[in-house]
Structure formats: C-alpha cells, structure tokens
Amino acid sequence: MRNKKIRKDLKTENELMEDLAKTEEIRMPSDLSKDKITQLIPFNMQGNKTHLLADSTGGAVLAAARKSDRVIDAFGGAGTYVHFLRACGVDKPMLLNEYDPFRYITHSQLKHNPLSVTYSLEDYVEELKGIVSHLEDGATFDEQAAAAQGAVVDFLQKEADRLVFPWQDFGHLSENGMPVSMINRPELAALYILIQCQKRMYRPVQADADPTGLKPVMNATETETVVNSGNKIKLFYHGKKFLFDAEDRIKAISQRLKDVEITREDGWKLIENNAGDGDFVLVDTSYLGKSTSNYNASTQEDSTPGIYLGKIKQYLVPALRRGARFLITNNWNDDVVRELKGLGFSVYKAFRKYGEPELVAMNFDKETGCIASDPKPKSINFIKVHFSSATVEWPTPQGVFNELNAEFGFTLDPCATHENAKCEKYFTMADDGLKQDWGKETVFMNPPYGRTIKNWMKKAYESSLGGATVVCLPPARTDTKWWHDYAMKGEIRLIKGRLKFGDSKSSAPFPSAIVIFRPPEQADVAMAA
C-alpha cells in the first residue's frame, strides 16, 4: 500500500506538480521482484531503477527491447537495465555506458576478468575482517569501535589513492568538475564493489577530484563495516551476502556482460553520435531540481530543468528523428513533462518506494513496444537554448530588467540573441561576448547557466577593473567555487523567493541574486556609502 499522505503533501507543496493528478499511472510490473533484480547487479547504489522496474516500468522496458535491434543504456550506473534484460532472456546487442571511472572500470573488469576480481575482493574482505577482529558483534559501541571505523575508512582511502593514475593535474580536474583517471585493474573493481557495498545507504562513490587528489570515498561514520546501532556494534551491517559469497554472483554477472559493449563517454553525446533506427535508448540522468551525490560533479548540471531540456533538444532530438526508441525517467516536473509531450512522447507517472512521483516518458506503445510512426518533434519553447555547448540562457524577467535599468541605464547586453536583446548594443553567440572588450559600458548580464557560468562571472569582474559597470543575474549558488572567486568580490543583492523566467508559469528551481561589479573608483564610493 503506497503512502497516500506523502503523495498529497508532495502535490500541495510543489508547484511543479499541477499536472500530476491528470496523468495516467504506468502499471506494467516485471515478473522479477525488486529483491531479485537487486541480486542481479554488481553493487548496490542508491536509486530507483530496481523499484520502478519491479513495480511500474519492467513490462514496457521488455516490450521495447524485444522490438529493437540494440539496447543502449546511456547512463549506466549499476547496469541495472542491462542485467534485468539479460535475466529476462533478451539477447539483443547491448551497450552499457558509464561516465564515472570507478564504475566503468568495474563493469569492464567484471566482464573480462571475473576470477581476478573475485580473488581481489576476497583479499579485501579479509583485510576488513582483520581490522575489526577485536570487536564483538552486539557489544557496546565504544572508543575502540569508533577508532575501528576510522581505520576501515583510512584503509579504503589509501587503497583508492594507490590506484589513482599518476601525474594528473588535480587542480584543473577539480576546478572543471572532471573525474580522476583510475588504473584499470581487477583490484580496482574489487575495491569499488567493496566500498560501494560498505557505504551507508549505498550512497554512490564517485571518482571526483579535489585540488590535491581523489576526493574522500567516505567519512568514518558512513562505513557499514562498523556501525553504531542503538549504541551497539553491528559488523558488516549491509552487503554481507554479496561480499562473503561473491564468486557465484560475479560469475553470473560476467556471463550477462559477455556480449555487452562497455563504453565510457558523455551519455548525451553518445546518444547524439550513435543512436538511431532500431535502437532502444534508456535515459536516467541527474534528478531534476535536486542536488545529489549520485552523479559526478560534471554531470550534476543536468538537474537544472533548463539545461536538461537544452540537452534533450541538442543531443536526443536528432536520434529521435532517426527513429530511435526512448524511455526517459526523472523527477516529476510539469514544465519538463509538457515539453516532452511537445516532442511527441507519451508521459506517465510512477511512484518510488516512499511515494515520490516520477515521470516516465516514451515514444513507443508501452504494451507492444512499437514506435509511433513518423515522429515529428516540435521545438522546445520553455527554455530557449542558445548555445551549442548545451549551456542555457534563461530569458530575463522583464520586470527585473526594467527596475535595474531604471537604476543603472544599461548600454550593453553581452549574452543575447537577436530576438531577446535588452540593449541596443549586444553580443550574440556568434559574437562571443567573452572575447569582446566591454570597455566602460554599463552592462546587464544574464549569463548562460551551464558550466561556462564561471567564465562569464570572471569576465564580468575583470571588465569592471577596466572601467565597466556590470550587473549580473546569476543563480545564487553560494556553494560553488565561481561564487566565492568572483561573486563575493561584488555587491550582492539576494532576491526574495524564486523568479519566473521567460514565459514560464512556474518558478525556477533555484534562487537568484543580483551581483554588481563596479569600476574600482565607484566601488570605493559605494563601499564608503
């Protein structure tokens, strides 16, 4: 029985769920239970695929796969779709793509070197058993137990650091949100399985960088090897079934991966370059409107609805026109749902284990798997995408601009199109405002909200040093490096509530701020005032 109260609360609290009640719920469960599907995958990882397959989407996924010539899991994670389909007897060619180096290497090594992975995993488990051998399951949790937690995490971190590929520029990787390259060995796959199975709530471990190397894989209180449960010691609280008897499971995993092509690419670009007629593409990327550790730093931007829709238009629509089948899952968001319908998708709702709503979009008949004939995708109107790099410009609320223009009198819009320019003088994408001299102009800048935003904020700050006054409308991302490096150097005016950009009826999923960079002499006057 689902929790109806949770559903009701979600609907009343989230203004982006107005269409939820009107949408048909998909109820095509698989013959495999969630537990059976979980037993198929090489490591547990926090997420919703196993529940959705078992409870809602499994039948539709099977129908589409059986009608297709090839299956592409573009954002593989634990490889759940591939292992589910193989276990259900689907023998079509498959491609499993995973961007994170930890998971890509793990899938690859499980396919090619299952026995070596098994032996390495057994060795690692024995190491952990040795670290906690002085503790008794059920005894009072004390200082010794806390010290053992730290010793476990130190051991795992040292092993992970040992398997980092040498001579990398970690500062560059960290600043650009790029993952660390890892050494492709069976022991890395074993180590990742161990860490992932021993991290609390199976929170995903990523090969992300910090300025000095690999980010910590977990902290001492996150390990499931030694858990404080009601002030009692619990050893190997989760993951024991897999870790203590891995050989048969790894052998079965390797067999299912035998004819699967395993790649490591940007999932969106993989779709753009490879997907077409006869392909069934599964798209499950960053959660809309949520900041989550489930994805690498460089892919978390997909959680912004505008960027997400921009990538769908740039990368997915060409494959849609070539005749590919798609199944897309994500958090429910009315605006995204409407745009997907505009592209010709049928959109259904499903519910996760604890009642949170999920959108399920497909361009094929859910019962038969047959694709709709002659799909003609429409253009996306909700968020206007202006940059081929898939960064997104959110159209400026006119009222916000008018109020600021009355105060400053703007003379230049450096992030414009011919259609939406706010000033007589403006730069388009073709002009590339980053390369132009802003001189002593009074600039209104609503920057693209993708990965290049740091470059625009840097340009705004540096242009003020040369005599320009630059008024910026960025998201209030106070946890980002670019905010502290540049925004904090200006005058900051926080905006109460959340803005509605362009013609959208709904508020943006992020707070906004006004950041003002003045020429040095004006900045001194403003500060004194």
Protein backbone atom coordinates (compact mmCIF):
# COMPACT_ATOMS: atom_id res chain seq x y z
CA MET A 1 0.00 0.00 0.00
CA ARG A 2 1.55 3.34 -1.06
CA ASN A 3 1.60 6.26 1.31
CA LYS A 4 -1.25 8.47 0.03
CA LYS A 5 -0.46 11.19 2.55
CA ILE A 6 3.06 11.56 1.11
CA ARG A 7 1.60 11.92 -2.39
CA LYS A 8 -0.87 14.54 -1.20
CA ASP A 9 1.81 16.53 0.63
CA LEU A 10 4.11 16.45 -2.38
CA LYS A 11 1.36 17.74 -4.65
CA THR A 12 0.37 20.63 -2.42
CA GLU A 13 3.95 21.67 -1.59
CA ASN A 14 5.44 21.50 -5.09
CA GLU A 15 4.07 23.96 -7.60
CA LEU A 16 5.69 22.00 -10.43
CA MET A 17 3.27 19.10 -9.96
CA GLU A 18 -0.04 20.64 -11.08
CA ASP A 19 -0.43 18.12 -13.94
CA LEU A 20 0.39 15.08 -11.82
CA ALA A 21 -3.20 14.20 -10.88
CA LYS A 22 -4.31 14.30 -14.55
CA THR A 23 -1.63 11.89 -15.75
CA GLU A 24 -2.13 8.15 -16.19
CA GLU A 25 -0.06 5.97 -13.88
CA ILE A 26 2.00 3.29 -15.60
CA ARG A 27 1.46 -0.13 -14.04
CA MET A 28 3.49 -2.66 -16.01
CA PRO A 29 5.46 -4.54 -13.33
CA SER A 30 8.04 -7.14 -14.23
CA ASP A 31 7.87 -10.79 -13.24
CA LEU A 32 11.03 -10.21 -11.19
CA SER A 33 10.70 -8.71 -7.72
CA LYS A 34 12.82 -5.78 -6.59
CA ASP A 35 14.93 -8.15 -4.46
CA LYS A 36 15.55 -10.45 -7.45
CA ILE A 37 16.60 -7.51 -9.63
CA THR A 38 18.87 -6.18 -6.88
CA GLN A 39 20.61 -9.57 -6.72
CA LEU A 40 21.47 -9.27 -10.43
CA ILE A 41 23.55 -6.09 -10.21
CA PRO A 42 27.26 -5.98 -9.25
CA PHE A 43 26.87 -3.40 -6.48
CA ASN A 44 24.07 -1.66 -4.67
CA MET A 45 23.73 2.04 -5.37
CA GLN A 46 21.15 4.47 -4.05
CA GLY A 47 18.49 5.00 -6.71
CA ASN A 48 15.09 3.94 -8.01
CA LYS A 49 15.59 1.72 -11.06
CA THR A 50 15.07 -1.62 -9.32
CA HIS A 51 11.84 -0.46 -7.69
CA LEU A 52 10.47 1.11 -10.88
CA LEU A 53 11.29 -1.97 -12.98
CA ALA A 54 9.68 -4.29 -10.47
CA ASP A 55 6.64 -2.12 -9.76
CA SER A 56 5.91 0.06 -12.80
CA THR A 57 8.07 0.01 -15.93
CA GLY A 58 9.51 -3.50 -16.33
CA GLY A 59 6.87 -4.65 -18.81
CA ALA A 60 7.28 -1.60 -21.04
CA VAL A 61 11.09 -1.88 -20.97
CA LEU A 62 10.86 -5.52 -22.04
CA ALA A 63 8.36 -4.76 -24.82
CA ALA A 64 10.58 -2.04 -26.31
CA ALA A 65 13.78 -4.08 -26.00
CA ARG A 66 12.23 -7.06 -27.80
CA LYS A 67 11.13 -4.83 -30.69
CA SER A 68 14.56 -3.22 -31.03
CA ASP A 69 17.79 -4.26 -32.71
CA ARG A 70 20.03 -2.88 -29.96
CA VAL A 71 19.68 -1.56 -26.39
CA ILE A 72 21.72 1.45 -25.24
CA ASP A 73 21.89 2.25 -21.51
CA ALA A 74 23.40 5.71 -21.85
CA PHE A 75 23.74 6.47 -18.12
CA GLY A 76 24.53 3.01 -16.81
CA GLY A 77 25.13 3.38 -13.07
CA ALA A 78 24.98 -0.16 -11.68
CA GLY A 79 23.99 -1.56 -15.10
CA THR A 80 20.52 -2.40 -13.81
CA TYR A 81 18.73 -2.23 -17.17
CA VAL A 82 21.27 -4.48 -18.90
CA HIS A 83 21.27 -7.13 -16.18
CA PHE A 84 17.46 -7.03 -15.94
CA LEU A 85 17.01 -7.52 -19.68
CA ARG A 86 19.59 -10.29 -19.92
CA ALA A 87 17.98 -12.10 -16.96
CA CYS A 88 14.62 -11.82 -18.75
CA GLY A 89 16.04 -13.54 -21.83
CA VAL A 90 16.63 -10.52 -24.08
CA ASP A 91 19.69 -11.44 -26.17
CA LYS A 92 19.86 -8.34 -28.40
CA PRO A 93 23.18 -6.48 -28.73
CA MET A 94 23.58 -4.07 -25.81
CA LEU A 95 25.75 -1.08 -24.97
CA LEU A 96 26.38 -0.12 -21.35
CA ASN A 97 27.83 3.36 -20.98
CA GLU A 98 29.13 4.75 -17.69
CA TYR A 99 30.93 8.07 -17.31
CA ASP A 100 32.39 7.57 -13.83
CA PRO A 101 35.83 5.85 -13.98
CA PHE A 102 35.16 3.72 -10.87
CA ARG A 103 32.01 2.19 -12.34
CA TYR A 104 33.28 1.97 -15.93
CA ILE A 105 36.36 0.01 -14.83
CA THR A 106 34.27 -2.18 -12.54
CA HIS A 107 31.87 -3.18 -15.34
CA SER A 108 34.78 -3.77 -17.72
CA GLN A 109 36.78 -5.90 -15.30
CA LEU A 110 33.73 -7.93 -14.29
CA LYS A 111 33.21 -8.72 -17.95
CA HIS A 112 36.81 -9.61 -18.83
CA ASN A 113 38.44 -10.73 -15.55
CA PRO A 114 35.76 -12.07 -13.19
CA LEU A 115 38.04 -14.55 -11.43
CA SER A 116 40.71 -11.93 -10.68
CA VAL A 117 38.04 -9.57 -9.37
CA THR A 118 36.72 -12.35 -7.12
CA TYR A 119 40.13 -13.13 -5.65
CA SER A 120 40.89 -9.44 -5.09
CA LEU A 121 37.53 -8.92 -3.41
CA GLU A 122 38.11 -11.89 -1.11
CA ASP A 123 41.51 -10.45 -0.12
CA TYR A 124 39.99 -7.04 0.63
CA VAL A 125 37.20 -8.57 2.73
CA GLU A 126 39.79 -10.47 4.76
CA GLU A 127 41.66 -7.19 5.33
CA LEU A 128 38.50 -5.58 6.70
CA LYS A 129 37.76 -8.59 8.89
CA GLY A 130 41.26 -8.26 10.33
CA ILE A 131 40.76 -4.56 11.11
CA VAL A 132 37.60 -5.30 13.13
CA SER A 133 38.60 -8.72 14.54
CA HIS A 134 38.95 -7.32 18.08
CA LEU A 135 35.29 -6.16 18.08
CA GLU A 136 32.31 -8.28 19.04
CA ASP A 137 29.00 -8.01 17.18
CA GLY A 138 26.37 -6.72 19.64
CA ALA A 139 28.82 -5.35 22.18
CA THR A 140 28.59 -1.77 23.43
CA PHE A 141 29.82 0.78 20.89
CA ASP A 142 32.85 2.45 22.46
CA GLU A 143 36.03 4.34 21.60
CA GLN A 144 37.62 1.20 20.18
CA ALA A 145 34.69 0.77 17.79
CA ALA A 146 34.90 4.42 16.72
CA ALA A 147 38.64 4.01 16.12
CA ALA A 148 37.93 0.93 14.02
CA GLN A 149 35.54 2.95 11.86
CA GLY A 150 38.37 5.38 11.16
CA ALA A 151 40.83 2.56 10.48
CA VAL A 152 38.46 0.97 7.94
CA VAL A 153 37.98 4.23 6.06
CA ASP A 154 41.71 5.02 6.15
CA PHE A 155 42.47 1.62 4.63
CA LEU A 156 39.88 2.04 1.86
CA GLN A 157 41.08 5.55 1.06
CA LYS A 158 44.74 4.53 0.89
CA GLU A 159 43.87 1.69 -1.49
CA ALA A 160 41.82 4.01 -3.68
CA ASP A 161 44.60 6.62 -3.72
CA ARG A 162 47.10 3.90 -4.66
CA LEU A 163 45.04 3.11 -7.75
CA VAL A 164 44.82 6.70 -8.99
CA PHE A 165 46.54 7.15 -12.34
CA PRO A 166 49.71 9.24 -11.70
CA TRP A 167 50.70 12.68 -12.97
CA GLN A 168 47.26 14.26 -13.16
CA ASP A 169 46.54 17.97 -12.73
CA PHE A 170 44.09 17.61 -9.86
CA GLY A 171 43.58 21.37 -9.53
CA HIS A 172 42.43 21.57 -13.15
CA LEU A 173 40.21 18.50 -12.77
CA SER A 174 38.63 19.86 -9.60
CA GLU A 175 38.02 23.34 -10.99
CA ASN A 176 36.33 21.93 -14.10
CA GLY A 177 34.34 19.22 -12.34
CA MET A 178 36.17 16.42 -14.14
CA PRO A 179 36.74 12.96 -12.65
CA VAL A 180 40.08 11.46 -11.69
CA SER A 181 41.54 8.81 -14.00
CA MET A 182 41.94 5.46 -12.25
CA ILE A 183 44.17 2.47 -13.09
CA ASN A 184 42.19 -0.19 -14.94
CA ARG A 185 42.88 -3.31 -12.87
CA PRO A 186 40.77 -6.12 -11.36
CA GLU A 187 41.68 -4.95 -7.87
CA LEU A 188 40.13 -1.53 -8.54
CA ALA A 189 36.86 -3.22 -9.50
CA ALA A 190 37.02 -5.30 -6.32
CA LEU A 191 37.81 -2.23 -4.22
CA TYR A 192 34.92 -0.26 -5.72
CA ILE A 193 32.45 -3.12 -5.09
CA LEU A 194 33.68 -3.28 -1.50
CA ILE A 195 33.45 0.47 -0.91
CA GLN A 196 30.06 0.78 -2.59
CA CYS A 197 28.63 -2.13 -0.60
CA GLN A 198 30.04 -0.69 2.65
CA LYS A 199 28.95 2.94 2.30
CA ARG A 200 25.92 3.91 4.34
CA MET A 201 22.62 3.77 2.43
CA TYR A 202 24.66 2.69 -0.61
CA ARG A 203 25.34 6.34 -1.43
CA PRO A 204 27.29 6.42 -4.70
CA VAL A 205 31.07 6.69 -4.56
CA GLN A 206 32.46 8.85 -7.37
CA ALA A 207 35.96 9.28 -8.77
CA ASP A 208 35.70 13.05 -8.33
CA ALA A 209 38.74 15.27 -7.79
CA ASP A 210 39.66 17.81 -5.17
CA PRO A 211 42.71 20.09 -5.60
CA THR A 212 45.10 17.52 -4.11
CA GLY A 213 43.80 14.23 -5.50
CA LEU A 214 40.86 11.87 -5.25
CA LYS A 215 38.00 13.11 -3.09
CA PRO A 216 37.42 11.08 0.09
CA VAL A 217 35.41 7.96 -0.67
CA MET A 218 33.53 8.27 2.62
CA ASN A 219 33.90 9.54 6.16
CA ALA A 220 34.28 7.39 9.28
CA THR A 221 30.61 7.44 10.24
CA GLU A 222 29.50 6.36 6.76
CA THR A 223 31.06 2.93 6.82
CA GLU A 224 28.75 -0.07 7.21
CA THR A 225 31.67 -2.26 8.33
CA VAL A 226 31.36 -0.95 11.89
CA VAL A 227 28.00 0.64 12.71
CA ASN A 228 26.73 2.24 15.89
CA SER A 229 23.18 0.84 16.07
CA GLY A 230 21.48 1.95 19.27
CA ASN A 231 24.88 2.13 20.99
CA LYS A 232 25.57 -1.47 19.94
CA ILE A 233 28.23 -2.63 17.49
CA LYS A 234 26.97 -4.04 14.20
CA LEU A 235 29.65 -5.53 11.93
CA PHE A 236 29.16 -5.59 8.16
CA TYR A 237 25.70 -4.13 8.65
CA HIS A 238 24.88 -4.29 4.92
CA GLY A 239 26.39 -6.01 1.89
CA LYS A 240 27.44 -9.13 3.78
CA LYS A 241 25.54 -11.52 1.49
CA PHE A 242 27.46 -10.35 -1.58
CA LEU A 243 30.86 -9.71 -0.01
CA PHE A 244 31.14 -13.02 1.86
CA ASP A 245 29.99 -15.20 -1.05
CA ALA A 246 30.90 -13.31 -4.21
CA GLU A 247 32.19 -15.98 -6.59
CA ASP A 248 28.90 -17.28 -8.00
CA ARG A 249 27.36 -13.82 -8.25
CA ILE A 250 30.38 -12.38 -10.07
CA LYS A 251 30.46 -15.38 -12.43
CA ALA A 252 26.78 -14.78 -13.32
CA ILE A 253 27.37 -11.05 -13.77
CA SER A 254 30.26 -11.74 -16.13
CA GLN A 255 28.12 -14.11 -18.20
CA ARG A 256 25.40 -11.47 -18.63
CA LEU A 257 28.02 -8.92 -19.70
CA LYS A 258 29.69 -11.32 -22.14
CA ASP A 259 28.34 -9.73 -25.34
CA VAL A 260 27.71 -6.26 -23.93
CA GLU A 261 29.78 -3.37 -25.28
CA ILE A 262 31.03 -1.28 -22.34
CA THR A 263 31.98 2.34 -23.01
CA ARG A 264 32.92 5.45 -21.08
CA GLU A 265 31.56 8.60 -22.72
CA ASP A 266 29.34 11.57 -22.06
CA GLY A 267 25.94 9.85 -22.26
CA TRP A 268 24.31 12.71 -24.15
CA LYS A 269 27.00 12.79 -26.84
CA LEU A 270 26.84 9.01 -27.10
CA ILE A 271 23.13 9.31 -27.94
CA GLU A 272 23.75 12.08 -30.47
CA ASN A 273 26.52 10.18 -32.26
CA ASN A 274 25.31 6.59 -32.05
CA ALA A 275 21.57 6.19 -31.52
CA GLY A 276 19.18 5.76 -34.43
CA ASP A 277 16.71 3.49 -36.15
CA GLY A 278 16.39 0.16 -34.35
CA ASP A 279 17.95 1.37 -31.09
CA PHE A 280 16.21 1.44 -27.71
CA VAL A 281 17.83 4.11 -25.53
CA LEU A 282 17.34 4.33 -21.77
CA VAL A 283 17.89 7.79 -20.26
CA ASP A 284 18.19 8.13 -16.49
CA THR A 285 20.41 11.06 -15.56
CA SER A 286 20.63 13.62 -12.70
CA TYR A 287 17.49 14.20 -10.62
CA LEU A 288 15.63 17.33 -11.73
CA GLY A 289 15.69 20.13 -9.19
CA LYS A 290 17.84 18.24 -6.70
CA SER A 291 21.44 18.45 -5.63
CA THR A 292 22.56 14.85 -5.24
CA SER A 293 25.77 12.91 -4.81
CA ASN A 294 24.54 10.25 -7.25
CA TYR A 295 26.36 11.87 -10.15
CA ASN A 296 29.81 13.22 -10.91
CA ALA A 297 30.40 16.94 -10.50
CA SER A 298 30.47 17.46 -14.27
CA THR A 299 27.08 15.79 -14.81
CA GLN A 300 25.16 17.31 -11.88
CA GLU A 301 24.21 20.29 -14.04
CA ASP A 302 21.57 18.08 -15.69
CA SER A 303 19.46 18.58 -12.54
CA THR A 304 18.66 22.12 -13.76
CA PRO A 305 15.48 21.77 -15.89
CA GLY A 306 16.63 24.31 -18.48
CA ILE A 307 19.96 22.58 -19.03
CA TYR A 308 18.22 19.20 -19.08
CA LEU A 309 15.76 20.35 -21.76
CA GLY A 310 18.57 22.00 -23.68
CA LYS A 311 20.46 18.71 -23.82
CA ILE A 312 17.34 16.85 -24.89
CA LYS A 313 16.95 19.27 -27.79
CA GLN A 314 20.59 19.19 -28.81
CA TYR A 315 21.51 15.55 -28.29
CA LEU A 316 18.34 13.47 -28.10
CA VAL A 317 16.07 15.00 -30.73
CA PRO A 318 18.39 14.14 -33.69
CA ALA A 319 18.34 10.47 -32.61
CA LEU A 320 14.57 10.69 -32.15
CA ARG A 321 14.26 11.86 -35.74
CA ARG A 322 16.45 8.97 -36.88
CA GLY A 323 13.91 6.55 -35.40
CA ALA A 324 15.35 5.57 -32.02
CA ARG A 325 13.08 4.42 -29.20
CA PHE A 326 13.50 6.23 -25.89
CA LEU A 327 12.44 5.64 -22.30
CA ILE A 328 13.17 8.60 -20.03
CA THR A 329 12.74 8.64 -16.26
CA ASN A 330 13.24 11.51 -13.83
CA ASN A 331 11.68 13.51 -11.01
CA TRP A 332 8.23 14.82 -11.84
CA ASN A 333 8.29 18.39 -13.20
CA ASP A 334 5.27 19.86 -15.03
CA ASP A 335 7.29 22.05 -17.38
CA VAL A 336 9.55 19.19 -18.42
CA VAL A 337 6.52 16.93 -18.88
CA ARG A 338 4.86 19.48 -21.19
CA GLU A 339 7.97 19.84 -23.30
CA LEU A 340 8.41 16.07 -23.61
CA LYS A 341 4.79 15.82 -24.76
CA GLY A 342 5.55 18.54 -27.30
CA LEU A 343 8.32 16.33 -28.66
CA GLY A 344 5.82 13.50 -29.22
CA PHE A 345 6.41 11.49 -26.03
CA SER A 346 3.71 9.74 -24.07
CA VAL A 347 4.26 10.66 -20.42
CA TYR A 348 3.09 8.56 -17.48
CA LYS A 349 3.57 8.85 -13.75
CA ALA A 350 5.07 6.24 -11.47
CA PHE A 351 5.84 6.25 -7.76
CA ARG A 352 9.02 5.38 -5.93
CA LYS A 353 9.21 3.26 -2.82
CA TYR A 354 8.25 6.07 -0.44
CA GLY A 355 5.67 7.72 -2.69
CA GLU A 356 7.72 10.36 -4.54
CA PRO A 357 6.40 10.85 -8.10
CA GLU A 358 8.47 10.02 -11.17
CA LEU A 359 7.88 10.93 -14.80
CA VAL A 360 8.17 8.09 -17.31
CA ALA A 361 8.31 9.26 -20.94
CA MET A 362 8.40 7.03 -24.03
CA ASN A 363 7.90 7.41 -27.78
CA PHE A 364 6.57 3.87 -28.27
CA ASP A 365 3.48 1.91 -27.33
CA LYS A 366 4.02 0.68 -23.80
CA GLU A 367 2.19 -2.59 -24.43
CA THR A 368 3.70 -3.59 -27.78
CA GLY A 369 6.98 -1.65 -27.89
CA CYS A 370 6.10 -0.42 -31.40
CA ILE A 371 7.39 3.05 -32.13
CA ALA A 372 4.99 5.80 -33.20
CA SER A 373 5.16 6.30 -36.97
CA ASP A 374 6.86 9.36 -38.43
CA PRO A 375 7.68 11.20 -35.18
CA LYS A 376 7.91 14.95 -35.74
CA PRO A 377 9.47 16.59 -32.69
CA LYS A 378 8.45 20.16 -32.03
CA SER A 379 10.79 22.86 -30.81
CA ILE A 380 11.30 23.41 -27.11
CA ASN A 381 9.79 26.72 -26.03
CA PHE A 382 10.00 26.59 -22.23
CA ILE A 383 13.70 27.31 -22.06
CA LYS A 384 15.29 28.89 -25.11
CA VAL A 385 18.60 27.19 -25.83
CA HIS A 386 21.12 29.49 -27.48
CA PHE A 387 24.49 27.82 -27.09
CA SER A 388 25.69 24.75 -28.92
CA SER A 389 27.70 23.76 -25.85
CA ALA A 390 24.30 22.99 -24.24
CA THR A 391 24.54 25.81 -21.76
CA VAL A 392 21.23 27.55 -21.30
CA GLU A 393 20.15 31.16 -21.19
CA TRP A 394 17.06 31.68 -19.03
CA PRO A 395 15.09 34.60 -20.58
CA THR A 396 15.29 37.60 -18.24
CA PRO A 397 12.09 38.52 -16.35
CA GLN A 398 11.15 41.88 -17.89
CA GLY A 399 10.12 43.41 -14.56
CA VAL A 400 13.52 42.64 -13.04
CA PHE A 401 15.31 44.19 -16.00
CA ASN A 402 13.11 47.31 -16.01
CA GLU A 403 13.78 48.01 -12.34
CA LEU A 404 17.54 47.57 -12.71
CA ASN A 405 17.62 49.55 -15.97
CA ALA A 406 15.91 52.48 -14.24
CA GLU A 407 18.72 52.45 -11.66
CA PHE A 408 21.74 51.85 -13.91
CA GLY A 409 20.81 52.77 -17.53
CA PHE A 410 22.27 49.77 -19.40
CA THR A 411 24.18 50.17 -22.66
CA LEU A 412 25.31 46.58 -23.38
CA ASP A 413 23.80 43.06 -23.26
CA PRO A 414 26.67 40.59 -23.82
CA CYS A 415 24.58 37.35 -23.55
CA ALA A 416 21.85 37.92 -26.10
CA THR A 417 20.17 36.71 -29.23
CA HIS A 418 18.77 38.97 -31.94
CA GLU A 419 15.31 38.19 -30.57
CA ASN A 420 15.80 38.86 -26.84
CA ALA A 421 18.48 41.56 -26.64
CA LYS A 422 17.81 44.03 -23.81
CA CYS A 423 20.06 46.82 -25.11
CA GLU A 424 20.67 48.49 -28.44
CA LYS A 425 24.24 47.21 -28.29
CA TYR A 426 24.52 43.46 -27.70
CA PHE A 427 26.62 40.38 -28.41
CA THR A 428 25.21 37.08 -29.68
CA MET A 429 26.69 33.62 -29.52
CA ALA A 430 28.39 34.27 -32.87
CA ASP A 431 29.99 37.43 -31.45
CA ASP A 432 31.13 35.54 -28.31
CA GLY A 433 30.83 38.17 -25.62
CA LEU A 434 33.63 36.54 -23.64
CA LYS A 435 36.10 37.60 -26.33
CA GLN A 436 34.78 41.16 -26.72
CA ASP A 437 36.02 44.28 -24.94
CA TRP A 438 33.25 45.62 -22.70
CA GLY A 439 35.11 48.89 -22.30
CA LYS A 440 33.39 51.36 -20.00
CA GLU A 441 29.87 50.17 -20.83
CA THR A 442 27.09 49.73 -18.30
CA VAL A 443 26.38 46.07 -18.76
CA PHE A 444 23.39 43.90 -17.96
CA MET A 445 24.50 40.24 -17.91
CA ASN A 446 22.12 37.29 -17.54
CA PRO A 447 24.76 34.59 -18.14
CA PRO A 448 24.27 31.07 -19.51
CA TYR A 449 23.61 28.83 -16.51
CA GLY A 450 25.76 25.87 -17.53
CA ARG A 451 29.40 25.02 -16.88
CA THR A 452 30.61 28.24 -18.57
CA ILE A 453 28.99 30.47 -15.96
CA LYS A 454 32.32 30.74 -14.13
CA ASN A 455 33.89 32.19 -17.29
CA TRP A 456 31.15 34.82 -17.57
CA MET A 457 31.43 35.82 -13.91
CA LYS A 458 35.19 36.11 -14.31
CA LYS A 459 34.72 38.26 -17.42
CA ALA A 460 32.24 40.50 -15.58
CA TYR A 461 34.60 41.04 -12.64
CA GLU A 462 37.67 41.65 -14.81
CA SER A 463 35.72 44.04 -17.09
CA SER A 464 34.80 46.13 -14.03
CA LEU A 465 38.50 46.52 -13.27
CA GLY A 466 38.82 48.03 -16.76
CA GLY A 467 36.04 50.57 -16.18
CA ALA A 468 32.78 48.77 -16.93
CA THR A 469 29.83 48.58 -14.54
CA VAL A 470 28.41 45.06 -14.78
CA VAL A 471 25.11 43.98 -13.21
CA CYS A 472 24.72 40.20 -13.23
CA LEU A 473 21.69 37.95 -12.70
CA PRO A 474 23.19 34.56 -11.73
CA PRO A 475 21.72 31.70 -9.69
CA ALA A 476 22.63 32.10 -6.02
CA ARG A 477 24.99 29.13 -5.95
CA THR A 478 26.81 30.00 -2.76
CA ASP A 479 28.41 26.53 -2.57
CA THR A 480 30.32 26.87 -5.85
CA LYS A 481 33.89 27.93 -6.49
CA TRP A 482 32.89 30.59 -9.03
CA TRP A 483 30.60 32.25 -6.48
CA HIS A 484 33.40 32.62 -3.95
CA ASP A 485 36.06 33.51 -6.56
CA TYR A 486 34.03 36.23 -8.31
CA ALA A 487 30.52 36.96 -6.99
CA MET A 488 31.84 37.64 -3.49
CA LYS A 489 34.01 40.43 -4.94
CA GLY A 490 30.90 42.38 -5.96
CA GLU A 491 27.86 43.91 -4.30
CA ILE A 492 25.31 41.14 -3.72
CA ARG A 493 21.56 41.66 -3.55
CA LEU A 494 19.70 38.46 -2.73
CA ILE A 495 16.28 38.09 -4.35
CA LYS A 496 13.43 37.02 -2.10
CA GLY A 497 11.60 33.96 -3.44
CA ARG A 498 12.29 32.50 -6.87
CA LEU A 499 11.98 34.19 -10.24
CA LYS A 500 9.83 33.13 -13.18
CA PHE A 501 11.95 33.24 -16.31
CA GLY A 502 10.60 33.99 -19.77
CA ASP A 503 7.01 32.85 -20.30
CA SER A 504 7.16 30.05 -17.72
CA LYS A 505 4.18 29.82 -15.35
CA SER A 506 6.34 28.16 -12.73
CA SER A 507 9.17 29.48 -10.62
CA ALA A 508 12.76 28.47 -11.29
CA PRO A 509 14.09 25.53 -9.22
CA PHE A 510 16.88 27.71 -7.79
CA PRO A 511 17.25 31.07 -6.01
CA SER A 512 18.70 34.06 -7.85
CA ALA A 513 20.81 37.06 -6.92
CA ILE A 514 21.89 40.40 -8.31
CA VAL A 515 25.70 40.76 -8.33
CA ILE A 516 27.11 44.19 -9.17
CA PHE A 517 30.70 44.79 -10.21
CA ARG A 518 31.63 48.50 -10.30
CA PRO A 519 34.85 50.15 -11.52
CA PRO A 520 37.37 50.46 -8.65
CA GLU A 521 36.74 54.15 -8.05
CA GLN A 522 32.94 53.67 -7.96
CA ALA A 523 33.25 50.54 -5.83
CA ASP A 524 35.20 52.51 -3.21
CA VAL A 525 32.48 55.20 -3.17
CA ALA A 526 29.71 52.58 -2.90
CA MET A 527 31.55 50.85 -0.06
CA ALA A 528 32.04 54.12 1.81
CA ALA A 529 28.35 54.94 1.41
